[in-house]
Amino acid sequence: EEYYLKKKDEKVQRIELGSTHYVILTNKGNIYTWGSNIMGQCGIENEIFIKEPKPLEAFHDELHKNNENIKQLSVGYNYNIVLTNKNNIYGW
């Protein structure tokens, strides 16, 4: 089955979960997070809990500016790590 984000034309490519947060990687290489953000694991400032998938727009903009795309995603207890097509690693 294929799953799409609500009101988006992006297909869910991968979904991972940490202890209390969730992360989606889409077919367009974008990251969406939601759940507990007490330790910043969702990557969104000034919000303790994210109710629905929210894009990491500033991160996407920076990646696209450098012609980078996410090719791998790993989610831990309260952190996330991505590997890009240029073999750069980013974590939060």
PDB file of N, CA and C in Angstrom:
ATOM      1  N   GLU A   1       0.822  -1.181   0.000  1.00  0.00           N
ATOM      2  CA  GLU A   1       0.000   0.000   0.000  1.00  0.00           C
ATOM      3  C   GLU A   1       0.864   1.241   0.000  1.00  0.00           C
ATOM      4  N   GLU A   2       0.322   2.305  -0.559  1.00  0.00           N
ATOM      5  CA  GLU A   2       1.001   3.585  -0.564  1.00  0.00           C
ATOM      6  C   GLU A   2       0.278   4.522   0.391  1.00  0.00           C
ATOM      7  N   TYR A   3       1.040   5.318   1.110  1.00  0.00           N
ATOM      8  CA  TYR A   3       0.479   6.287   2.048  1.00  0.00           C
ATOM      9  C   TYR A   3       0.978   7.670   1.688  1.00  0.00           C
ATOM     10  N   TYR A   4       0.078   8.639   1.765  1.00  0.00           N
ATOM     11  CA  TYR A   4       0.408  10.016   1.455  1.00  0.00           C
ATOM     12  C   TYR A   4       0.105  10.883   2.668  1.00  0.00           C
ATOM     13  N   LEU A   5       0.838  11.981   2.777  1.00  0.00           N
ATOM     14  CA  LEU A   5       0.549  12.943   3.834  1.00  0.00           C
ATOM     15  C   LEU A   5      -0.769  13.630   3.532  1.00  0.00           C
ATOM     16  N   LYS A   6      -1.523  13.905   4.564  1.00  0.00           N
ATOM     17  CA  LYS A   6      -2.812  14.584   4.427  1.00  0.00           C
ATOM     18  C   LYS A   6      -2.614  15.941   3.752  1.00  0.00           C
ATOM     19  N   LYS A   7      -3.391  16.199   2.716  1.00  0.00           N
ATOM     20  CA  LYS A   7      -3.351  17.462   1.965  1.00  0.00           C
ATOM     21  C   LYS A   7      -1.991  17.719   1.317  1.00  0.00           C
ATOM     22  N   LYS A   8      -1.212  16.693   1.094  1.00  0.00           N
ATOM     23  CA  LYS A   8       0.099  16.861   0.459  1.00  0.00           C
ATOM     24  C   LYS A   8       0.189  15.919  -0.731  1.00  0.00           C
ATOM     25  N   ASP A   9       1.058  16.234  -1.650  1.00  0.00           N
ATOM     26  CA  ASP A   9       1.292  15.345  -2.773  1.00  0.00           C
ATOM     27  C   ASP A   9       2.565  14.519  -2.544  1.00  0.00           C
ATOM     28  N   GLU A  10       2.932  14.372  -1.283  1.00  0.00           N
ATOM     29  CA  GLU A  10       4.136  13.631  -0.943  1.00  0.00           C
ATOM     30  C   GLU A  10       3.790  12.247  -0.403  1.00  0.00           C
ATOM     31  N   LYS A  11       4.456  11.272  -0.958  1.00  0.00           N
ATOM     32  CA  LYS A  11       4.261   9.887  -0.548  1.00  0.00           C
ATOM     33  C   LYS A  11       5.208   9.548   0.602  1.00  0.00           C
ATOM     34  N   VAL A  12       4.701   8.842   1.596  1.00  0.00           N
ATOM     35  CA  VAL A  12       5.540   8.399   2.710  1.00  0.00           C
ATOM     36  C   VAL A  12       6.477   7.308   2.195  1.00  0.00           C
ATOM     37  N   GLN A  13       7.770   7.576   2.290  1.00  0.00           N
ATOM     38  CA  GLN A  13       8.777   6.609   1.849  1.00  0.00           C
ATOM     39  C   GLN A  13       9.241   5.746   3.015  1.00  0.00           C
ATOM     40  N   ARG A  14       9.353   6.388   4.190  1.00  0.00           N
ATOM     41  CA  ARG A  14       9.823   5.681   5.376  1.00  0.00           C
ATOM     42  C   ARG A  14       9.247   6.351   6.614  1.00  0.00           C
ATOM     43  N   ILE A  15       8.899   5.550   7.596  1.00  0.00           N
ATOM     44  CA  ILE A  15       8.451   6.089   8.876  1.00  0.00           C
ATOM     45  C   ILE A  15       9.232   5.388   9.972  1.00  0.00           C
ATOM     46  N   GLU A  16       9.698   6.185  10.930  1.00  0.00           N
ATOM     47  CA  GLU A  16      10.481   5.666  12.055  1.00  0.00           C
ATOM     48  C   GLU A  16       9.898   6.234  13.340  1.00  0.00           C
ATOM     49  N   LEU A  17      10.106   5.527  14.424  1.00  0.00           N
ATOM     50  CA  LEU A  17       9.653   6.060  15.694  1.00  0.00           C
ATOM     51  C   LEU A  17      10.725   5.938  16.756  1.00  0.00           C
ATOM     52  N   GLY A  18      10.790   7.011  17.567  1.00  0.00           N
ATOM     53  CA  GLY A  18      11.671   7.022  18.724  1.00  0.00           C
ATOM     54  C   GLY A  18      10.859   6.604  19.935  1.00  0.00           C
ATOM     55  N   SER A  19      11.304   6.989  21.098  1.00  0.00           N
ATOM     56  CA  SER A  19      10.588   6.630  22.312  1.00  0.00           C
ATOM     57  C   SER A  19       9.208   7.273  22.357  1.00  0.00           C
ATOM     58  N   THR A  20       9.136   8.573  22.028  1.00  0.00           N
ATOM     59  CA  THR A  20       7.858   9.299  22.105  1.00  0.00           C
ATOM     60  C   THR A  20       7.652  10.247  20.925  1.00  0.00           C
ATOM     61  N   HIS A  21       8.381  10.035  19.830  1.00  0.00           N
ATOM     62  CA  HIS A  21       8.216  10.884  18.653  1.00  0.00           C
ATOM     63  C   HIS A  21       8.289  10.038  17.379  1.00  0.00           C
ATOM     64  N   TYR A  22       7.772  10.612  16.292  1.00  0.00           N
ATOM     65  CA  TYR A  22       7.714   9.925  15.004  1.00  0.00           C
ATOM     66  C   TYR A  22       8.377  10.792  13.939  1.00  0.00           C
ATOM     67  N   VAL A  23       8.949  10.125  12.938  1.00  0.00           N
ATOM     68  CA  VAL A  23       9.610  10.840  11.851  1.00  0.00           C
ATOM     69  C   VAL A  23       9.245  10.170  10.530  1.00  0.00           C
ATOM     70  N   ILE A  24       8.858  10.994   9.556  1.00  0.00           N
ATOM     71  CA  ILE A  24       8.547  10.510   8.212  1.00  0.00           C
ATOM     72  C   ILE A  24       9.552  11.097   7.234  1.00  0.00           C
ATOM     73  N   LEU A  25      10.019  10.264   6.309  1.00  0.00           N
ATOM     74  CA  LEU A  25      10.809  10.702   5.163  1.00  0.00           C
ATOM     75  C   LEU A  25       9.917  10.499   3.945  1.00  0.00           C
ATOM     76  N   THR A  26       9.743  11.548   3.136  1.00  0.00           N
ATOM     77  CA  THR A  26       8.866  11.448   1.968  1.00  0.00           C
ATOM     78  C   THR A  26       9.664  11.166   0.697  1.00  0.00           C
ATOM     79  N   ASN A  27       8.930  10.858  -0.363  1.00  0.00           N
ATOM     80  CA  ASN A  27       9.557  10.606  -1.662  1.00  0.00           C
ATOM     81  C   ASN A  27      10.235  11.852  -2.217  1.00  0.00           C
ATOM     82  N   LYS A  28       9.917  13.025  -1.681  1.00  0.00           N
ATOM     83  CA  LYS A  28      10.570  14.269  -2.111  1.00  0.00           C
ATOM     84  C   LYS A  28      11.768  14.612  -1.233  1.00  0.00           C
ATOM     85  N   GLY A  29      12.106  13.711  -0.317  1.00  0.00           N
ATOM     86  CA  GLY A  29      13.260  13.923   0.546  1.00  0.00           C
ATOM     87  C   GLY A  29      13.007  14.861   1.707  1.00  0.00           C
ATOM     88  N   ASN A  30      11.751  15.093   2.037  1.00  0.00           N
ATOM     89  CA  ASN A  30      11.418  15.971   3.148  1.00  0.00           C
ATOM     90  C   ASN A  30      11.158  15.168   4.413  1.00  0.00           C
ATOM     91  N   ILE A  31      11.458  15.809   5.543  1.00  0.00           N
ATOM     92  CA  ILE A  31      11.266  15.198   6.858  1.00  0.00           C
ATOM     93  C   ILE A  31      10.084  15.880   7.555  1.00  0.00           C
ATOM     94  N   TYR A  32       9.227  15.069   8.138  1.00  0.00           N
ATOM     95  CA  TYR A  32       8.114  15.546   8.966  1.00  0.00           C
ATOM     96  C   TYR A  32       8.239  14.848  10.318  1.00  0.00           C
ATOM     97  N   THR A  33       8.001  15.591  11.399  1.00  0.00           N
ATOM     98  CA  THR A  33       8.088  15.007  12.735  1.00  0.00           C
ATOM     99  C   THR A  33       6.861  15.379  13.554  1.00  0.00           C
ATOM    100  N   TRP A  34       6.563  14.558  14.573  1.00  0.00           N
ATOM    101  CA  TRP A  34       5.513  14.885  15.533  1.00  0.00           C
ATOM    102  C   TRP A  34       5.662  14.001  16.755  1.00  0.00           C
ATOM    103  N   GLY A  35       4.982  14.401  17.816  1.00  0.00           N
ATOM    104  CA  GLY A  35       5.053  13.693  19.091  1.00  0.00           C
ATOM    105  C   GLY A  35       5.692  14.581  20.142  1.00  0.00           C
ATOM    106  N   SER A  36       6.284  13.958  21.151  1.00  0.00           N
ATOM    107  CA  SER A  36       6.937  14.708  22.220  1.00  0.00           C
ATOM    108  C   SER A  36       8.170  15.421  21.677  1.00  0.00           C
ATOM    109  N   ASN A  37       8.335  16.661  22.096  1.00  0.00           N
ATOM    110  CA  ASN A  37       9.473  17.467  21.664  1.00  0.00           C
ATOM    111  C   ASN A  37      10.186  18.069  22.871  1.00  0.00           C
ATOM    112  N   ILE A  38      10.024  17.441  24.023  1.00  0.00           N
ATOM    113  CA  ILE A  38      10.602  17.959  25.272  1.00  0.00           C
ATOM    114  C   ILE A  38      12.115  18.130  25.165  1.00  0.00           C
ATOM    115  N   MET A  39      12.788  17.220  24.482  1.00  0.00           N
ATOM    116  CA  MET A  39      14.244  17.291  24.345  1.00  0.00           C
ATOM    117  C   MET A  39      14.665  17.774  22.956  1.00  0.00           C
ATOM    118  N   GLY A  40      13.719  18.345  22.205  1.00  0.00           N
ATOM    119  CA  GLY A  40      14.021  18.857  20.872  1.00  0.00           C
ATOM    120  C   GLY A  40      14.088  17.789  19.803  1.00  0.00           C
ATOM    121  N   GLN A  41      13.618  16.593  20.107  1.00  0.00           N
ATOM    122  CA  GLN A  41      13.746  15.482  19.174  1.00  0.00           C
ATOM    123  C   GLN A  41      12.927  15.648  17.894  1.00  0.00           C
ATOM    124  N   CYS A  42      11.948  16.533  17.914  1.00  0.00           N
ATOM    125  CA  CYS A  42      11.191  16.803  16.690  1.00  0.00           C
ATOM    126  C   CYS A  42      11.852  17.891  15.848  1.00  0.00           C
ATOM    127  N   GLY A  43      12.830  18.579  16.412  1.00  0.00           N
ATOM    128  CA  GLY A  43      13.549  19.596  15.661  1.00  0.00           C
ATOM    129  C   GLY A  43      12.775  20.887  15.465  1.00  0.00           C
ATOM    130  N   ILE A  44      11.769  21.116  16.288  1.00  0.00           N
ATOM    131  CA  ILE A  44      10.931  22.302  16.172  1.00  0.00           C
ATOM    132  C   ILE A  44      11.034  23.089  17.476  1.00  0.00           C
ATOM    133  N   GLU A  45      11.437  24.344  17.375  1.00  0.00           N
ATOM    134  CA  GLU A  45      11.649  25.156  18.570  1.00  0.00           C
ATOM    135  C   GLU A  45      10.346  25.631  19.198  1.00  0.00           C
ATOM    136  N   ASN A  46      10.382  25.833  20.498  1.00  0.00           N
ATOM    137  CA  ASN A  46       9.309  26.446  21.274  1.00  0.00           C
ATOM    138  C   ASN A  46       7.988  25.679  21.286  1.00  0.00           C
ATOM    139  N   GLU A  47       8.031  24.397  21.012  1.00  0.00           N
ATOM    140  CA  GLU A  47       6.831  23.570  21.106  1.00  0.00           C
ATOM    141  C   GLU A  47       7.193  22.293  21.861  1.00  0.00           C
ATOM    142  N   ILE A  48       6.416  21.973  22.884  1.00  0.00           N
ATOM    143  CA  ILE A  48       6.691  20.787  23.700  1.00  0.00           C
ATOM    144  C   ILE A  48       6.079  19.533  23.092  1.00  0.00           C
ATOM    145  N   PHE A  49       4.926  19.678  22.441  1.00  0.00           N
ATOM    146  CA  PHE A  49       4.270  18.540  21.824  1.00  0.00           C
ATOM    147  C   PHE A  49       3.736  18.935  20.454  1.00  0.00           C
ATOM    148  N   ILE A  50       4.031  18.140  19.452  1.00  0.00           N
ATOM    149  CA  ILE A  50       3.584  18.380  18.078  1.00  0.00           C
ATOM    150  C   ILE A  50       2.453  17.387  17.800  1.00  0.00           C
ATOM    151  N   LYS A  51       1.251  17.877  17.504  1.00  0.00           N
ATOM    152  CA  LYS A  51       0.071  17.015  17.375  1.00  0.00           C
ATOM    153  C   LYS A  51      -0.018  16.262  16.057  1.00  0.00           C
ATOM    154  N   GLU A  52       0.522  16.825  14.973  1.00  0.00           N
ATOM    155  CA  GLU A  52       0.440  16.168  13.675  1.00  0.00           C
ATOM    156  C   GLU A  52       1.731  16.418  12.913  1.00  0.00           C
ATOM    157  N   PRO A  53       2.014  15.616  11.887  1.00  0.00           N
ATOM    158  CA  PRO A  53       3.278  15.768  11.157  1.00  0.00           C
ATOM    159  C   PRO A  53       3.537  17.207  10.718  1.00  0.00           C
ATOM    160  N   LYS A  54       4.718  17.694  11.075  1.00  0.00           N
ATOM    161  CA  LYS A  54       5.106  19.064  10.763  1.00  0.00           C
ATOM    162  C   LYS A  54       6.453  19.022  10.023  1.00  0.00           C
ATOM    163  N   PRO A  55       6.571  19.755   8.909  1.00  0.00           N
ATOM    164  CA  PRO A  55       7.826  19.717   8.148  1.00  0.00           C
ATOM    165  C   PRO A  55       8.944  20.489   8.829  1.00  0.00           C
ATOM    166  N   LEU A  56      10.158  20.050   8.593  1.00  0.00           N
ATOM    167  CA  LEU A  56      11.343  20.784   9.068  1.00  0.00           C
ATOM    168  C   LEU A  56      11.797  21.694   7.931  1.00  0.00           C
ATOM    169  N   GLU A  57      11.057  22.755   7.701  1.00  0.00           N
ATOM    170  CA  GLU A  57      11.243  23.605   6.528  1.00  0.00           C
ATOM    171  C   GLU A  57      12.626  24.243   6.429  1.00  0.00           C
ATOM    172  N   ALA A  58      13.149  24.771   7.528  1.00  0.00           N
ATOM    173  CA  ALA A  58      14.474  25.416   7.485  1.00  0.00           C
ATOM    174  C   ALA A  58      15.544  24.389   7.103  1.00  0.00           C
ATOM    175  N   PHE A  59      15.420  23.178   7.623  1.00  0.00           N
ATOM    176  CA  PHE A  59      16.364  22.105   7.301  1.00  0.00           C
ATOM    177  C   PHE A  59      16.253  21.726   5.824  1.00  0.00           C
ATOM    178  N   HIS A  60      15.020  21.594   5.319  1.00  0.00           N
ATOM    179  CA  HIS A  60      14.810  21.266   3.903  1.00  0.00           C
ATOM    180  C   HIS A  60      15.409  22.343   3.009  1.00  0.00           C
ATOM    181  N   ASP A  61      15.171  23.606   3.347  1.00  0.00           N
ATOM    182  CA  ASP A  61      15.688  24.720   2.550  1.00  0.00           C
ATOM    183  C   ASP A  61      17.209  24.673   2.473  1.00  0.00           C
ATOM    184  N   GLU A  62      17.839  24.417   3.601  1.00  0.00           N
ATOM    185  CA  GLU A  62      19.310  24.357   3.639  1.00  0.00           C
ATOM    186  C   GLU A  62      19.829  23.197   2.788  1.00  0.00           C
ATOM    187  N   LEU A  63      19.210  22.055   2.900  1.00  0.00           N
ATOM    188  CA  LEU A  63      19.627  20.898   2.094  1.00  0.00           C
ATOM    189  C   LEU A  63      19.468  21.178   0.606  1.00  0.00           C
ATOM    190  N   HIS A  64      18.308  21.679   0.211  1.00  0.00           N
ATOM    191  CA  HIS A  64      18.044  21.927  -1.201  1.00  0.00           C
ATOM    192  C   HIS A  64      18.963  23.001  -1.765  1.00  0.00           C
ATOM    193  N   LYS A  65      19.315  23.992  -0.936  1.00  0.00           N
ATOM    194  CA  LYS A  65      20.242  25.051  -1.357  1.00  0.00           C
ATOM    195  C   LYS A  65      21.605  24.458  -1.714  1.00  0.00           C
ATOM    196  N   ASN A  66      21.977  23.391  -1.022  1.00  0.00           N
ATOM    197  CA  ASN A  66      23.265  22.731  -1.252  1.00  0.00           C
ATOM    198  C   ASN A  66      23.144  21.515  -2.171  1.00  0.00           C
ATOM    199  N   ASN A  67      22.001  21.393  -2.854  1.00  0.00           N
ATOM    200  CA  ASN A  67      21.737  20.254  -3.737  1.00  0.00           C
ATOM    201  C   ASN A  67      21.898  18.913  -3.031  1.00  0.00           C
ATOM    202  N   GLU A  68      21.450  18.866  -1.792  1.00  0.00           N
ATOM    203  CA  GLU A  68      21.509  17.625  -1.016  1.00  0.00           C
ATOM    204  C   GLU A  68      20.114  17.045  -0.855  1.00  0.00           C
ATOM    205  N   ASN A  69      20.065  15.742  -0.842  1.00  0.00           N
ATOM    206  CA  ASN A  69      18.822  15.009  -0.585  1.00  0.00           C
ATOM    207  C   ASN A  69      19.101  13.960   0.473  1.00  0.00           C
ATOM    208  N   ILE A  70      18.113  13.690   1.282  1.00  0.00           N
ATOM    209  CA  ILE A  70      18.268  12.661   2.310  1.00  0.00           C
ATOM    210  C   ILE A  70      18.132  11.291   1.665  1.00  0.00           C
ATOM    211  N   LYS A  71      19.101  10.443   1.920  1.00  0.00           N
ATOM    212  CA  LYS A  71      19.005   9.090   1.372  1.00  0.00           C
ATOM    213  C   LYS A  71      18.806   8.032   2.452  1.00  0.00           C
ATOM    214  N   GLN A  72      19.085   8.393   3.705  1.00  0.00           N
ATOM    215  CA  GLN A  72      18.883   7.432   4.788  1.00  0.00           C
ATOM    216  C   GLN A  72      18.491   8.166   6.059  1.00  0.00           C
ATOM    217  N   LEU A  73      17.623   7.542   6.851  1.00  0.00           N
ATOM    218  CA  LEU A  73      17.104   8.112   8.085  1.00  0.00           C
ATOM    219  C   LEU A  73      17.205   7.075   9.185  1.00  0.00           C
ATOM    220  N   SER A  74      17.636   7.505  10.364  1.00  0.00           N
ATOM    221  CA  SER A  74      17.664   6.634  11.534  1.00  0.00           C
ATOM    222  C   SER A  74      17.165   7.426  12.727  1.00  0.00           C
ATOM    223  N   VAL A  75      16.289   6.810  13.508  1.00  0.00           N
ATOM    224  CA  VAL A  75      15.685   7.472  14.657  1.00  0.00           C
ATOM    225  C   VAL A  75      16.007   6.665  15.906  1.00  0.00           C
ATOM    226  N   GLY A  76      16.453   7.374  16.948  1.00  0.00           N
ATOM    227  CA  GLY A  76      16.765   6.732  18.215  1.00  0.00           C
ATOM    228  C   GLY A  76      15.777   7.125  19.290  1.00  0.00           C
ATOM    229  N   TYR A  77      16.136   6.861  20.514  1.00  0.00           N
ATOM    230  CA  TYR A  77      15.277   7.105  21.663  1.00  0.00           C
ATOM    231  C   TYR A  77      14.755   8.539  21.690  1.00  0.00           C
ATOM    232  N   ASN A  78      15.665   9.523  21.577  1.00  0.00           N
ATOM    233  CA  ASN A  78      15.240  10.937  21.551  1.00  0.00           C
ATOM    234  C   ASN A  78      16.125  11.758  20.612  1.00  0.00           C
ATOM    235  N   TYR A  79      16.523  11.147  19.496  1.00  0.00           N
ATOM    236  CA  TYR A  79      17.355  11.829  18.506  1.00  0.00           C
ATOM    237  C   TYR A  79      17.076  11.260  17.119  1.00  0.00           C
ATOM    238  N   ASN A  80      17.558  11.968  16.100  1.00  0.00           N
ATOM    239  CA  ASN A  80      17.388  11.558  14.708  1.00  0.00           C
ATOM    240  C   ASN A  80      18.682  11.834  13.959  1.00  0.00           C
ATOM    241  N   ILE A  81      18.998  10.983  12.997  1.00  0.00           N
ATOM    242  CA  ILE A  81      20.193  11.160  12.175  1.00  0.00           C
ATOM    243  C   ILE A  81      19.813  10.898  10.727  1.00  0.00           C
ATOM    244  N   VAL A  82      20.311  11.757   9.821  1.00  0.00           N
ATOM    245  CA  VAL A  82      20.094  11.531   8.394  1.00  0.00           C
ATOM    246  C   VAL A  82      21.437  11.542   7.660  1.00  0.00           C
ATOM    247  N   LEU A  83      21.479  10.787   6.579  1.00  0.00           N
ATOM    248  CA  LEU A  83      22.627  10.730   5.684  1.00  0.00           C
ATOM    249  C   LEU A  83      22.158  11.261   4.342  1.00  0.00           C
ATOM    250  N   THR A  84      22.939  12.159   3.740  1.00  0.00           N
ATOM    251  CA  THR A  84      22.534  12.756   2.465  1.00  0.00           C
ATOM    252  C   THR A  84      23.269  12.099   1.297  1.00  0.00           C
ATOM    253  N   ASN A  85      22.832  12.454   0.098  1.00  0.00           N
ATOM    254  CA  ASN A  85      23.458  11.953  -1.120  1.00  0.00           C
ATOM    255  C   ASN A  85      24.912  12.410  -1.252  1.00  0.00           C
ATOM    256  N   LYS A  86      25.320  13.441  -0.504  1.00  0.00           N
ATOM    257  CA  LYS A  86      26.711  13.900  -0.508  1.00  0.00           C
ATOM    258  C   LYS A  86      27.482  13.320   0.671  1.00  0.00           C
ATOM    259  N   ASN A  87      26.914  12.310   1.307  1.00  0.00           N
ATOM    260  CA  ASN A  87      27.497  11.603   2.457  1.00  0.00           C
ATOM    261  C   ASN A  87      27.736  12.502   3.659  1.00  0.00           C
ATOM    262  N   ASN A  88      26.938  13.550   3.788  1.00  0.00           N
ATOM    263  CA  ASN A  88      26.953  14.369   4.995  1.00  0.00           C
ATOM    264  C   ASN A  88      25.958  13.784   5.986  1.00  0.00           C
ATOM    265  N   ILE A  89      26.290  13.870   7.261  1.00  0.00           N
ATOM    266  CA  ILE A  89      25.436  13.363   8.329  1.00  0.00           C
ATOM    267  C   ILE A  89      24.951  14.538   9.162  1.00  0.00           C
ATOM    268  N   TYR A  90      23.641  14.572   9.408  1.00  0.00           N
ATOM    269  CA  TYR A  90      23.044  15.604  10.243  1.00  0.00           C
ATOM    270  C   TYR A  90      22.248  14.934  11.348  1.00  0.00           C
ATOM    271  N   GLY A  91      22.276  15.518  12.524  1.00  0.00           N
ATOM    272  CA  GLY A  91      21.518  14.962  13.630  1.00  0.00           C
ATOM    273  C   GLY A  91      20.892  16.040  14.489  1.00  0.00           C
ATOM    274  N   TRP A  92      19.816  15.674  15.133  1.00  0.00           N
ATOM    275  CA  TRP A  92      19.147  16.558  16.101  1.00  0.00           C
ATOM    276  C   TRP A  92      18.395  15.720  17.087  1.00  0.00           C
TER     277      TRP A  92
END
